[in-house]
């Protein structure tokens, strides 16, 4: 891995629940990730709020998609963007932009 695994995450995905309802359920658990607050300039470029956007690096083999939720250390994040980096001379990884979903960012 090209990042320091600082967090253990659980990935939650929207799944059908009944005939017309959907609900988030845990899809993958106990993956290692590095989650860091985004720099102020990057937050301004993406139109986010300071303290609510986070950068995340994970192994590229992890199936993480836009719209998923990530739980880590009692915090919940929404996945805004996933970019994969493969075959670039370093170990394969995915760069993810997360947005905090609760007021305790």
PDB file of N, CA and C in Angstrom:
ATOM      1  N   UNK A   1       0.844  -1.180   0.000  1.00  0.00           N
ATOM      2  CA  UNK A   1       0.000   0.000   0.000  1.00  0.00           C
ATOM      3  C   UNK A   1       0.884   1.235   0.000  1.00  0.00           C
ATOM      4  N   UNK A   2       0.430   2.304  -0.640  1.00  0.00           N
ATOM      5  CA  UNK A   2       1.193   3.541  -0.714  1.00  0.00           C
ATOM      6  C   UNK A   2       0.725   4.558   0.316  1.00  0.00           C
ATOM      7  N   UNK A   3      -0.145   4.153   1.208  1.00  0.00           N
ATOM      8  CA  UNK A   3      -0.680   5.046   2.212  1.00  0.00           C
ATOM      9  C   UNK A   3      -0.514   4.412   3.583  1.00  0.00           C
ATOM     10  N   UNK A   4      -0.676   5.197   4.605  1.00  0.00           N
ATOM     11  CA  UNK A   4      -0.602   4.685   5.966  1.00  0.00           C
ATOM     12  C   UNK A   4      -2.017   4.362   6.432  1.00  0.00           C
ATOM     13  N   UNK A   5      -2.243   3.119   6.737  1.00  0.00           N
ATOM     14  CA  UNK A   5      -3.587   2.693   7.150  1.00  0.00           C
ATOM     15  C   UNK A   5      -3.884   3.223   8.549  1.00  0.00           C
ATOM     16  N   UNK A   6      -4.616   4.327   8.615  1.00  0.00           N
ATOM     17  CA  UNK A   6      -4.894   4.976   9.890  1.00  0.00           C
ATOM     18  C   UNK A   6      -6.302   4.693  10.408  1.00  0.00           C
ATOM     19  N   UNK A   7      -7.168   4.109   9.567  1.00  0.00           N
ATOM     20  CA  UNK A   7      -8.550   3.861   9.944  1.00  0.00           C
ATOM     21  C   UNK A   7      -9.004   2.483   9.460  1.00  0.00           C
ATOM     22  N   UNK A   8      -9.896   1.888  10.210  1.00  0.00           N
ATOM     23  CA  UNK A   8     -10.595   0.684   9.762  1.00  0.00           C
ATOM     24  C   UNK A   8     -11.993   1.128   9.365  1.00  0.00           C
ATOM     25  N   UNK A   9     -12.411   0.782   8.145  1.00  0.00           N
ATOM     26  CA  UNK A   9     -13.686   1.281   7.636  1.00  0.00           C
ATOM     27  C   UNK A   9     -14.674   0.148   7.371  1.00  0.00           C
ATOM     28  N   UNK A  10     -15.949   0.508   7.411  1.00  0.00           N
ATOM     29  CA  UNK A  10     -17.043  -0.355   6.994  1.00  0.00           C
ATOM     30  C   UNK A  10     -17.736   0.348   5.837  1.00  0.00           C
ATOM     31  N   UNK A  11     -17.957  -0.362   4.744  1.00  0.00           N
ATOM     32  CA  UNK A  11     -18.612   0.211   3.579  1.00  0.00           C
ATOM     33  C   UNK A  11     -20.076  -0.200   3.589  1.00  0.00           C
ATOM     34  N   UNK A  12     -20.963   0.791   3.451  1.00  0.00           N
ATOM     35  CA  UNK A  12     -22.396   0.542   3.425  1.00  0.00           C
ATOM     36  C   UNK A  12     -22.926   0.942   2.050  1.00  0.00           C
ATOM     37  N   UNK A  13     -23.779   0.075   1.480  1.00  0.00           N
ATOM     38  CA  UNK A  13     -24.309   0.305   0.128  1.00  0.00           C
ATOM     39  C   UNK A  13     -25.826   0.262   0.157  1.00  0.00           C
ATOM     40  N   UNK A  14     -26.446   1.116  -0.671  1.00  0.00           N
ATOM     41  CA  UNK A  14     -27.901   1.178  -0.767  1.00  0.00           C
ATOM     42  C   UNK A  14     -28.413  -0.088  -1.449  1.00  0.00           C
ATOM     43  N   UNK A  15     -29.298  -0.803  -0.765  1.00  0.00           N
ATOM     44  CA  UNK A  15     -29.831  -2.075  -1.262  1.00  0.00           C
ATOM     45  C   UNK A  15     -31.357  -2.045  -1.220  1.00  0.00           C
ATOM     46  N   UNK A  16     -32.003  -2.826  -2.097  1.00  0.00           N
ATOM     47  CA  UNK A  16     -33.471  -2.928  -2.044  1.00  0.00           C
ATOM     48  C   UNK A  16     -33.919  -3.493  -0.691  1.00  0.00           C
ATOM     49  N   UNK A  17     -34.976  -2.920  -0.154  1.00  0.00           N
ATOM     50  CA  UNK A  17     -35.543  -3.369   1.121  1.00  0.00           C
ATOM     51  C   UNK A  17     -37.052  -3.371   0.944  1.00  0.00           C
ATOM     52  N   UNK A  18     -37.610  -4.528   0.704  1.00  0.00           N
ATOM     53  CA  UNK A  18     -39.035  -4.616   0.424  1.00  0.00           C
ATOM     54  C   UNK A  18     -39.316  -4.302  -1.041  1.00  0.00           C
ATOM     55  N   UNK A  19     -40.559  -4.037  -1.351  1.00  0.00           N
ATOM     56  CA  UNK A  19     -40.972  -3.835  -2.740  1.00  0.00           C
ATOM     57  C   UNK A  19     -40.532  -2.493  -3.308  1.00  0.00           C
ATOM     58  N   UNK A  20     -40.669  -1.411  -2.534  1.00  0.00           N
ATOM     59  CA  UNK A  20     -40.373  -0.089  -3.087  1.00  0.00           C
ATOM     60  C   UNK A  20     -39.395   0.719  -2.239  1.00  0.00           C
ATOM     61  N   UNK A  21     -38.851   0.146  -1.206  1.00  0.00           N
ATOM     62  CA  UNK A  21     -37.955   0.869  -0.318  1.00  0.00           C
ATOM     63  C   UNK A  21     -36.514   0.426  -0.523  1.00  0.00           C
ATOM     64  N   UNK A  22     -35.592   1.294  -0.103  1.00  0.00           N
ATOM     65  CA  UNK A  22     -34.172   0.970  -0.113  1.00  0.00           C
ATOM     66  C   UNK A  22     -33.585   1.343   1.236  1.00  0.00           C
ATOM     67  N   UNK A  23     -32.523   0.633   1.609  1.00  0.00           N
ATOM     68  CA  UNK A  23     -31.903   0.845   2.901  1.00  0.00           C
ATOM     69  C   UNK A  23     -30.409   0.588   2.766  1.00  0.00           C
ATOM     70  N   UNK A  24     -29.583   1.329   3.512  1.00  0.00           N
ATOM     71  CA  UNK A  24     -28.146   1.064   3.511  1.00  0.00           C
ATOM     72  C   UNK A  24     -27.850  -0.138   4.391  1.00  0.00           C
ATOM     73  N   UNK A  25     -27.011  -1.037   3.883  1.00  0.00           N
ATOM     74  CA  UNK A  25     -26.599  -2.184   4.681  1.00  0.00           C
ATOM     75  C   UNK A  25     -25.094  -2.362   4.523  1.00  0.00           C
ATOM     76  N   UNK A  26     -24.459  -2.919   5.549  1.00  0.00           N
ATOM     77  CA  UNK A  26     -23.013  -3.140   5.521  1.00  0.00           C
ATOM     78  C   UNK A  26     -22.687  -4.143   4.431  1.00  0.00           C
ATOM     79  N   UNK A  27     -21.805  -3.735   3.531  1.00  0.00           N
ATOM     80  CA  UNK A  27     -21.411  -4.580   2.412  1.00  0.00           C
ATOM     81  C   UNK A  27     -20.049  -5.193   2.665  1.00  0.00           C
ATOM     82  N   UNK A  28     -19.123  -4.380   3.084  1.00  0.00           N
ATOM     83  CA  UNK A  28     -17.759  -4.829   3.372  1.00  0.00           C
ATOM     84  C   UNK A  28     -17.350  -4.250   4.712  1.00  0.00           C
ATOM     85  N   UNK A  29     -16.628  -5.019   5.501  1.00  0.00           N
ATOM     86  CA  UNK A  29     -16.206  -4.543   6.811  1.00  0.00           C
ATOM     87  C   UNK A  29     -14.709  -4.753   7.000  1.00  0.00           C
ATOM     88  N   UNK A  30     -14.149  -3.989   7.891  1.00  0.00           N
ATOM     89  CA  UNK A  30     -12.770  -4.135   8.361  1.00  0.00           C
ATOM     90  C   UNK A  30     -11.715  -3.974   7.264  1.00  0.00           C
ATOM     91  N   UNK A  31     -11.907  -3.003   6.396  1.00  0.00           N
ATOM     92  CA  UNK A  31     -10.865  -2.642   5.431  1.00  0.00           C
ATOM     93  C   UNK A  31     -10.015  -1.527   6.004  1.00  0.00           C
ATOM     94  N   UNK A  32      -8.759  -1.497   5.601  1.00  0.00           N
ATOM     95  CA  UNK A  32      -7.836  -0.465   6.065  1.00  0.00           C
ATOM     96  C   UNK A  32      -7.841   0.710   5.088  1.00  0.00           C
ATOM     97  N   UNK A  33      -7.816   1.920   5.626  1.00  0.00           N
ATOM     98  CA  UNK A  33      -7.817   3.129   4.808  1.00  0.00           C
ATOM     99  C   UNK A  33      -7.075   4.231   5.537  1.00  0.00           C
ATOM    100  N   UNK A  34      -6.689   5.244   4.781  1.00  0.00           N
ATOM    101  CA  UNK A  34      -6.095   6.450   5.361  1.00  0.00           C
ATOM    102  C   UNK A  34      -7.054   7.592   5.069  1.00  0.00           C
ATOM    103  N   UNK A  35      -7.619   8.192   6.102  1.00  0.00           N
ATOM    104  CA  UNK A  35      -8.570   9.295   5.957  1.00  0.00           C
ATOM    105  C   UNK A  35      -7.959  10.540   6.587  1.00  0.00           C
ATOM    106  N   UNK A  36      -7.854  11.599   5.786  1.00  0.00           N
ATOM    107  CA  UNK A  36      -7.260  12.855   6.246  1.00  0.00           C
ATOM    108  C   UNK A  36      -8.163  14.017   5.826  1.00  0.00           C
ATOM    109  N   UNK A  37      -8.215  15.107   6.611  1.00  0.00           N
ATOM    110  CA  UNK A  37      -8.984  16.288   6.192  1.00  0.00           C
ATOM    111  C   UNK A  37      -8.414  16.855   4.890  1.00  0.00           C
ATOM    112  N   UNK A  38      -9.287  17.294   4.002  1.00  0.00           N
ATOM    113  CA  UNK A  38      -8.847  17.884   2.742  1.00  0.00           C
ATOM    114  C   UNK A  38      -8.221  19.257   2.995  1.00  0.00           C
ATOM    115  N   UNK A  39      -7.290  19.635   2.135  1.00  0.00           N
ATOM    116  CA  UNK A  39      -6.674  20.955   2.217  1.00  0.00           C
ATOM    117  C   UNK A  39      -7.704  22.017   1.851  1.00  0.00           C
ATOM    118  N   UNK A  40      -7.553  23.211   2.401  1.00  0.00           N
ATOM    119  CA  UNK A  40      -8.517  24.287   2.171  1.00  0.00           C
ATOM    120  C   UNK A  40      -8.649  24.639   0.695  1.00  0.00           C
ATOM    121  N   UNK A  41      -7.551  24.624  -0.064  1.00  0.00           N
ATOM    122  CA  UNK A  41      -7.634  24.963  -1.487  1.00  0.00           C
ATOM    123  C   UNK A  41      -8.437  23.923  -2.254  1.00  0.00           C
ATOM    124  N   UNK A  42      -8.292  22.665  -1.900  1.00  0.00           N
ATOM    125  CA  UNK A  42      -9.056  21.602  -2.567  1.00  0.00           C
ATOM    126  C   UNK A  42     -10.540  21.715  -2.213  1.00  0.00           C
ATOM    127  N   UNK A  43     -10.837  22.088  -0.983  1.00  0.00           N
ATOM    128  CA  UNK A  43     -12.229  22.258  -0.564  1.00  0.00           C
ATOM    129  C   UNK A  43     -12.874  23.378  -1.365  1.00  0.00           C
ATOM    130  N   UNK A  44     -12.151  24.478  -1.563  1.00  0.00           N
ATOM    131  CA  UNK A  44     -12.684  25.601  -2.341  1.00  0.00           C
ATOM    132  C   UNK A  44     -12.939  25.196  -3.788  1.00  0.00           C
ATOM    133  N   UNK A  45     -12.057  24.409  -4.374  1.00  0.00           N
ATOM    134  CA  UNK A  45     -12.202  23.988  -5.766  1.00  0.00           C
ATOM    135  C   UNK A  45     -13.426  23.096  -5.968  1.00  0.00           C
ATOM    136  N   UNK A  46     -13.744  22.303  -4.973  1.00  0.00           N
ATOM    137  CA  UNK A  46     -14.866  21.370  -5.114  1.00  0.00           C
ATOM    138  C   UNK A  46     -16.176  21.939  -4.591  1.00  0.00           C
ATOM    139  N   UNK A  47     -16.132  23.142  -4.042  1.00  0.00           N
ATOM    140  CA  UNK A  47     -17.357  23.766  -3.553  1.00  0.00           C
ATOM    141  C   UNK A  47     -17.851  23.193  -2.244  1.00  0.00           C
ATOM    142  N   UNK A  48     -16.972  22.573  -1.482  1.00  0.00           N
ATOM    143  CA  UNK A  48     -17.361  21.975  -0.207  1.00  0.00           C
ATOM    144  C   UNK A  48     -17.189  22.928   0.954  1.00  0.00           C
ATOM    145  N   UNK A  49     -17.378  22.401   2.155  1.00  0.00           N
ATOM    146  CA  UNK A  49     -17.205  23.194   3.368  1.00  0.00           C
ATOM    147  C   UNK A  49     -15.981  22.700   4.109  1.00  0.00           C
ATOM    148  N   UNK A  50     -15.198  23.633   4.618  1.00  0.00           N
ATOM    149  CA  UNK A  50     -13.998  23.281   5.375  1.00  0.00           C
ATOM    150  C   UNK A  50     -14.410  22.457   6.589  1.00  0.00           C
ATOM    151  N   UNK A  51     -13.714  21.353   6.824  1.00  0.00           N
ATOM    152  CA  UNK A  51     -14.016  20.487   7.953  1.00  0.00           C
ATOM    153  C   UNK A  51     -15.009  19.391   7.640  1.00  0.00           C
ATOM    154  N   UNK A  52     -15.557  19.390   6.419  1.00  0.00           N
ATOM    155  CA  UNK A  52     -16.523  18.360   6.053  1.00  0.00           C
ATOM    156  C   UNK A  52     -16.044  17.481   4.915  1.00  0.00           C
ATOM    157  N   UNK A  53     -15.005  17.901   4.187  1.00  0.00           N
ATOM    158  CA  UNK A  53     -14.459  17.089   3.113  1.00  0.00           C
ATOM    159  C   UNK A  53     -13.173  16.414   3.566  1.00  0.00           C
ATOM    160  N   UNK A  54     -13.026  15.149   3.182  1.00  0.00           N
ATOM    161  CA  UNK A  54     -11.870  14.353   3.580  1.00  0.00           C
ATOM    162  C   UNK A  54     -11.298  13.627   2.376  1.00  0.00           C
ATOM    163  N   UNK A  55      -9.990  13.435   2.384  1.00  0.00           N
ATOM    164  CA  UNK A  55      -9.300  12.624   1.383  1.00  0.00           C
ATOM    165  C   UNK A  55      -9.095  11.244   1.977  1.00  0.00           C
ATOM    166  N   UNK A  56      -9.297  10.218   1.160  1.00  0.00           N
ATOM    167  CA  UNK A  56      -9.166   8.848   1.623  1.00  0.00           C
ATOM    168  C   UNK A  56      -8.391   8.047   0.586  1.00  0.00           C
ATOM    169  N   UNK A  57      -7.477   7.206   1.029  1.00  0.00           N
ATOM    170  CA  UNK A  57      -6.730   6.314   0.153  1.00  0.00           C
ATOM    171  C   UNK A  57      -6.985   4.886   0.608  1.00  0.00           C
ATOM    172  N   UNK A  58      -7.337   4.031  -0.362  1.00  0.00           N
ATOM    173  CA  UNK A  58      -7.604   2.617  -0.078  1.00  0.00           C
ATOM    174  C   UNK A  58      -6.964   1.764  -1.161  1.00  0.00           C
ATOM    175  N   UNK A  59      -6.871   0.477  -0.900  1.00  0.00           N
ATOM    176  CA  UNK A  59      -6.362  -0.463  -1.889  1.00  0.00           C
ATOM    177  C   UNK A  59      -7.327  -0.519  -3.067  1.00  0.00           C
ATOM    178  N   UNK A  60      -6.802  -0.617  -4.285  1.00  0.00           N
ATOM    179  CA  UNK A  60      -7.659  -0.587  -5.480  1.00  0.00           C
ATOM    180  C   UNK A  60      -8.547  -1.820  -5.614  1.00  0.00           C
ATOM    181  N   UNK A  61      -8.269  -2.880  -4.880  1.00  0.00           N
ATOM    182  CA  UNK A  61      -9.098  -4.088  -4.965  1.00  0.00           C
ATOM    183  C   UNK A  61     -10.413  -3.951  -4.194  1.00  0.00           C
ATOM    184  N   UNK A  62     -10.559  -2.900  -3.403  1.00  0.00           N
ATOM    185  CA  UNK A  62     -11.775  -2.690  -2.622  1.00  0.00           C
ATOM    186  C   UNK A  62     -12.848  -2.079  -3.515  1.00  0.00           C
ATOM    187  N   UNK A  63     -14.026  -2.698  -3.530  1.00  0.00           N
ATOM    188  CA  UNK A  63     -15.141  -2.237  -4.363  1.00  0.00           C
ATOM    189  C   UNK A  63     -15.870  -1.109  -3.648  1.00  0.00           C
ATOM    190  N   UNK A  64     -15.447   0.123  -3.916  1.00  0.00           N
ATOM    191  CA  UNK A  64     -16.068   1.308  -3.330  1.00  0.00           C
ATOM    192  C   UNK A  64     -16.610   2.153  -4.475  1.00  0.00           C
ATOM    193  N   UNK A  65     -17.859   2.610  -4.349  1.00  0.00           N
ATOM    194  CA  UNK A  65     -18.519   3.346  -5.431  1.00  0.00           C
ATOM    195  C   UNK A  65     -19.060   4.676  -4.935  1.00  0.00           C
ATOM    196  N   UNK A  66     -19.245   5.599  -5.871  1.00  0.00           N
ATOM    197  CA  UNK A  66     -19.891   6.861  -5.527  1.00  0.00           C
ATOM    198  C   UNK A  66     -21.284   6.569  -4.994  1.00  0.00           C
ATOM    199  N   UNK A  67     -21.677   7.262  -3.935  1.00  0.00           N
ATOM    200  CA  UNK A  67     -22.983   7.041  -3.322  1.00  0.00           C
ATOM    201  C   UNK A  67     -22.942   6.094  -2.139  1.00  0.00           C
ATOM    202  N   UNK A  68     -21.861   5.319  -1.998  1.00  0.00           N
ATOM    203  CA  UNK A  68     -21.721   4.448  -0.830  1.00  0.00           C
ATOM    204  C   UNK A  68     -21.492   5.306   0.411  1.00  0.00           C
ATOM    205  N   UNK A  69     -21.637   4.694   1.565  1.00  0.00           N
ATOM    206  CA  UNK A  69     -21.295   5.341   2.826  1.00  0.00           C
ATOM    207  C   UNK A  69     -20.144   4.592   3.461  1.00  0.00           C
ATOM    208  N   UNK A  70     -19.305   5.327   4.173  1.00  0.00           N
ATOM    209  CA  UNK A  70     -18.163   4.750   4.869  1.00  0.00           C
ATOM    210  C   UNK A  70     -18.291   5.114   6.344  1.00  0.00           C
ATOM    211  N   UNK A  71     -18.218   4.111   7.212  1.00  0.00           N
ATOM    212  CA  UNK A  71     -18.226   4.325   8.657  1.00  0.00           C
ATOM    213  C   UNK A  71     -16.829   4.063   9.192  1.00  0.00           C
ATOM    214  N   UNK A  72     -16.343   4.959  10.051  1.00  0.00           N
ATOM    215  CA  UNK A  72     -15.039   4.785  10.667  1.00  0.00           C
ATOM    216  C   UNK A  72     -14.983   5.551  11.976  1.00  0.00           C
ATOM    217  N   UNK A  73     -14.615   4.873  13.033  1.00  0.00           N
ATOM    218  CA  UNK A  73     -14.443   5.494  14.351  1.00  0.00           C
ATOM    219  C   UNK A  73     -15.665   6.305  14.785  1.00  0.00           C
ATOM    220  N   UNK A  74     -16.853   5.792  14.527  1.00  0.00           N
ATOM    221  CA  UNK A  74     -18.064   6.468  14.953  1.00  0.00           C
ATOM    222  C   UNK A  74     -18.499   7.606  14.046  1.00  0.00           C
ATOM    223  N   UNK A  75     -17.836   7.820  12.941  1.00  0.00           N
ATOM    224  CA  UNK A  75     -18.208   8.867  11.991  1.00  0.00           C
ATOM    225  C   UNK A  75     -18.718   8.222  10.705  1.00  0.00           C
ATOM    226  N   UNK A  76     -19.642   8.905  10.039  1.00  0.00           N
ATOM    227  CA  UNK A  76     -20.176   8.415   8.774  1.00  0.00           C
ATOM    228  C   UNK A  76     -19.856   9.429   7.681  1.00  0.00           C
ATOM    229  N   UNK A  77     -19.386   8.905   6.554  1.00  0.00           N
ATOM    230  CA  UNK A  77     -19.023   9.729   5.406  1.00  0.00           C
ATOM    231  C   UNK A  77     -19.782   9.239   4.180  1.00  0.00           C
ATOM    232  N   UNK A  78     -20.064  10.152   3.270  1.00  0.00           N
ATOM    233  CA  UNK A  78     -20.658   9.815   1.979  1.00  0.00           C
ATOM    234  C   UNK A  78     -19.547   9.876   0.925  1.00  0.00           C
ATOM    235  N   UNK A  79     -19.503   8.888   0.032  1.00  0.00           N
ATOM    236  CA  UNK A  79     -18.473   8.840  -1.009  1.00  0.00           C
ATOM    237  C   UNK A  79     -18.899   9.751  -2.153  1.00  0.00           C
ATOM    238  N   UNK A  80     -18.093  10.784  -2.427  1.00  0.00           N
ATOM    239  CA  UNK A  80     -18.390  11.749  -3.482  1.00  0.00           C
ATOM    240  C   UNK A  80     -17.668  11.433  -4.778  1.00  0.00           C
ATOM    241  N   UNK A  81     -16.476  10.844  -4.700  1.00  0.00           N
ATOM    242  CA  UNK A  81     -15.686  10.576  -5.902  1.00  0.00           C
ATOM    243  C   UNK A  81     -14.710   9.447  -5.623  1.00  0.00           C
ATOM    244  N   UNK A  82     -14.486   8.596  -6.633  1.00  0.00           N
ATOM    245  CA  UNK A  82     -13.516   7.504  -6.532  1.00  0.00           C
ATOM    246  C   UNK A  82     -12.647   7.541  -7.789  1.00  0.00           C
ATOM    247  N   UNK A  83     -11.330   7.648  -7.601  1.00  0.00           N
ATOM    248  CA  UNK A  83     -10.377   7.634  -8.715  1.00  0.00           C
ATOM    249  C   UNK A  83      -9.371   6.522  -8.470  1.00  0.00           C
ATOM    250  N   UNK A  84      -9.201   5.658  -9.466  1.00  0.00           N
ATOM    251  CA  UNK A  84      -8.257   4.540  -9.327  1.00  0.00           C
ATOM    252  C   UNK A  84      -6.943   4.868 -10.027  1.00  0.00           C
ATOM    253  N   UNK A  85      -5.843   4.485  -9.396  1.00  0.00           N
ATOM    254  CA  UNK A  85      -4.510   4.665  -9.958  1.00  0.00           C
ATOM    255  C   UNK A  85      -3.868   3.293 -10.052  1.00  0.00           C
ATOM    256  N   UNK A  86      -3.712   2.818 -11.276  1.00  0.00           N
ATOM    257  CA  UNK A  86      -3.177   1.479 -11.498  1.00  0.00           C
ATOM    258  C   UNK A  86      -2.026   1.542 -12.491  1.00  0.00           C
ATOM    259  N   UNK A  87      -0.981   0.779 -12.221  1.00  0.00           N
ATOM    260  CA  UNK A  87       0.137   0.671 -13.144  1.00  0.00           C
ATOM    261  C   UNK A  87       0.914   1.951 -13.324  1.00  0.00           C
ATOM    262  N   UNK A  88       0.962   2.782 -12.303  1.00  0.00           N
ATOM    263  CA  UNK A  88       1.660   4.052 -12.428  1.00  0.00           C
ATOM    264  C   UNK A  88       3.039   4.012 -11.781  1.00  0.00           C
ATOM    265  N   UNK A  89       3.599   2.840 -11.649  1.00  0.00           N
ATOM    266  CA  UNK A  89       4.924   2.721 -11.061  1.00  0.00           C
ATOM    267  C   UNK A  89       4.908   2.627  -9.551  1.00  0.00           C
ATOM    268  N   UNK A  90       3.727   2.764  -8.960  1.00  0.00           N
ATOM    269  CA  UNK A  90       3.577   2.595  -7.513  1.00  0.00           C
ATOM    270  C   UNK A  90       2.504   1.535  -7.309  1.00  0.00           C
ATOM    271  N   UNK A  91       2.303   1.143  -6.106  1.00  0.00           N
ATOM    272  CA  UNK A  91       1.265   0.152  -5.841  1.00  0.00           C
ATOM    273  C   UNK A  91      -0.107   0.708  -6.178  1.00  0.00           C
ATOM    274  N   UNK A  92      -0.958  -0.131  -6.722  1.00  0.00           N
ATOM    275  CA  UNK A  92      -2.305   0.287  -7.101  1.00  0.00           C
ATOM    276  C   UNK A  92      -3.077   0.765  -5.876  1.00  0.00           C
ATOM    277  N   UNK A  93      -3.819   1.861  -6.055  1.00  0.00           N
ATOM    278  CA  UNK A  93      -4.629   2.385  -4.966  1.00  0.00           C
ATOM    279  C   UNK A  93      -5.775   3.206  -5.538  1.00  0.00           C
ATOM    280  N   UNK A  94      -6.737   3.531  -4.708  1.00  0.00           N
ATOM    281  CA  UNK A  94      -7.846   4.394  -5.086  1.00  0.00           C
ATOM    282  C   UNK A  94      -7.828   5.622  -4.192  1.00  0.00           C
ATOM    283  N   UNK A  95      -8.079   6.766  -4.808  1.00  0.00           N
ATOM    284  CA  UNK A  95      -8.197   8.026  -4.089  1.00  0.00           C
ATOM    285  C   UNK A  95      -9.674   8.371  -4.029  1.00  0.00           C
ATOM    286  N   UNK A  96     -10.179   8.623  -2.826  1.00  0.00           N
ATOM    287  CA  UNK A  96     -11.612   8.824  -2.610  1.00  0.00           C
ATOM    288  C   UNK A  96     -11.831  10.162  -1.916  1.00  0.00           C
ATOM    289  N   UNK A  97     -12.849  10.899  -2.357  1.00  0.00           N
ATOM    290  CA  UNK A  97     -13.252  12.117  -1.664  1.00  0.00           C
ATOM    291  C   UNK A  97     -14.491  11.782  -0.853  1.00  0.00           C
ATOM    292  N   UNK A  98     -14.424  12.068   0.440  1.00  0.00           N
ATOM    293  CA  UNK A  98     -15.518  11.777   1.368  1.00  0.00           C
ATOM    294  C   UNK A  98     -16.096  13.075   1.916  1.00  0.00           C
ATOM    295  N   UNK A  99     -17.386  13.051   2.227  1.00  0.00           N
ATOM    296  CA  UNK A  99     -18.032  14.189   2.885  1.00  0.00           C
ATOM    297  C   UNK A  99     -18.654  13.699   4.183  1.00  0.00           C
ATOM    298  N   UNK A 100     -18.353  14.376   5.282  1.00  0.00           N
ATOM    299  CA  UNK A 100     -18.901  13.999   6.581  1.00  0.00           C
ATOM    300  C   UNK A 100     -20.416  14.155   6.576  1.00  0.00           C
ATOM    301  N   UNK A 101     -21.131  13.184   7.135  1.00  0.00           N
ATOM    302  CA  UNK A 101     -22.588  13.193   7.136  1.00  0.00           C
ATOM    303  C   UNK A 101     -23.208  13.661   8.451  1.00  0.00           C
ATOM    304  N   UNK A 102     -22.402  13.762   9.467  1.00  0.00           N
ATOM    305  CA  UNK A 102     -22.944  14.215  10.749  1.00  0.00           C
ATOM    306  C   UNK A 102     -22.300  15.545  11.121  1.00  0.00           C
ATOM    307  N   UNK A 103     -22.789  16.164  12.142  1.00  0.00           N
ATOM    308  CA  UNK A 103     -22.254  17.444  12.590  1.00  0.00           C
ATOM    309  C   UNK A 103     -20.966  17.317  13.381  1.00  0.00           C
ATOM    310  N   UNK A 104     -20.500  16.098  13.633  1.00  0.00           N
ATOM    311  CA  UNK A 104     -19.309  15.877  14.456  1.00  0.00           C
ATOM    312  C   UNK A 104     -18.095  15.609  13.595  1.00  0.00           C
ATOM    313  N   UNK A 105     -17.795  16.461  12.663  1.00  0.00           N
ATOM    314  CA  UNK A 105     -16.681  16.223  11.750  1.00  0.00           C
ATOM    315  C   UNK A 105     -15.371  16.544  12.333  1.00  0.00           C
TER     316      UNK A 105
END
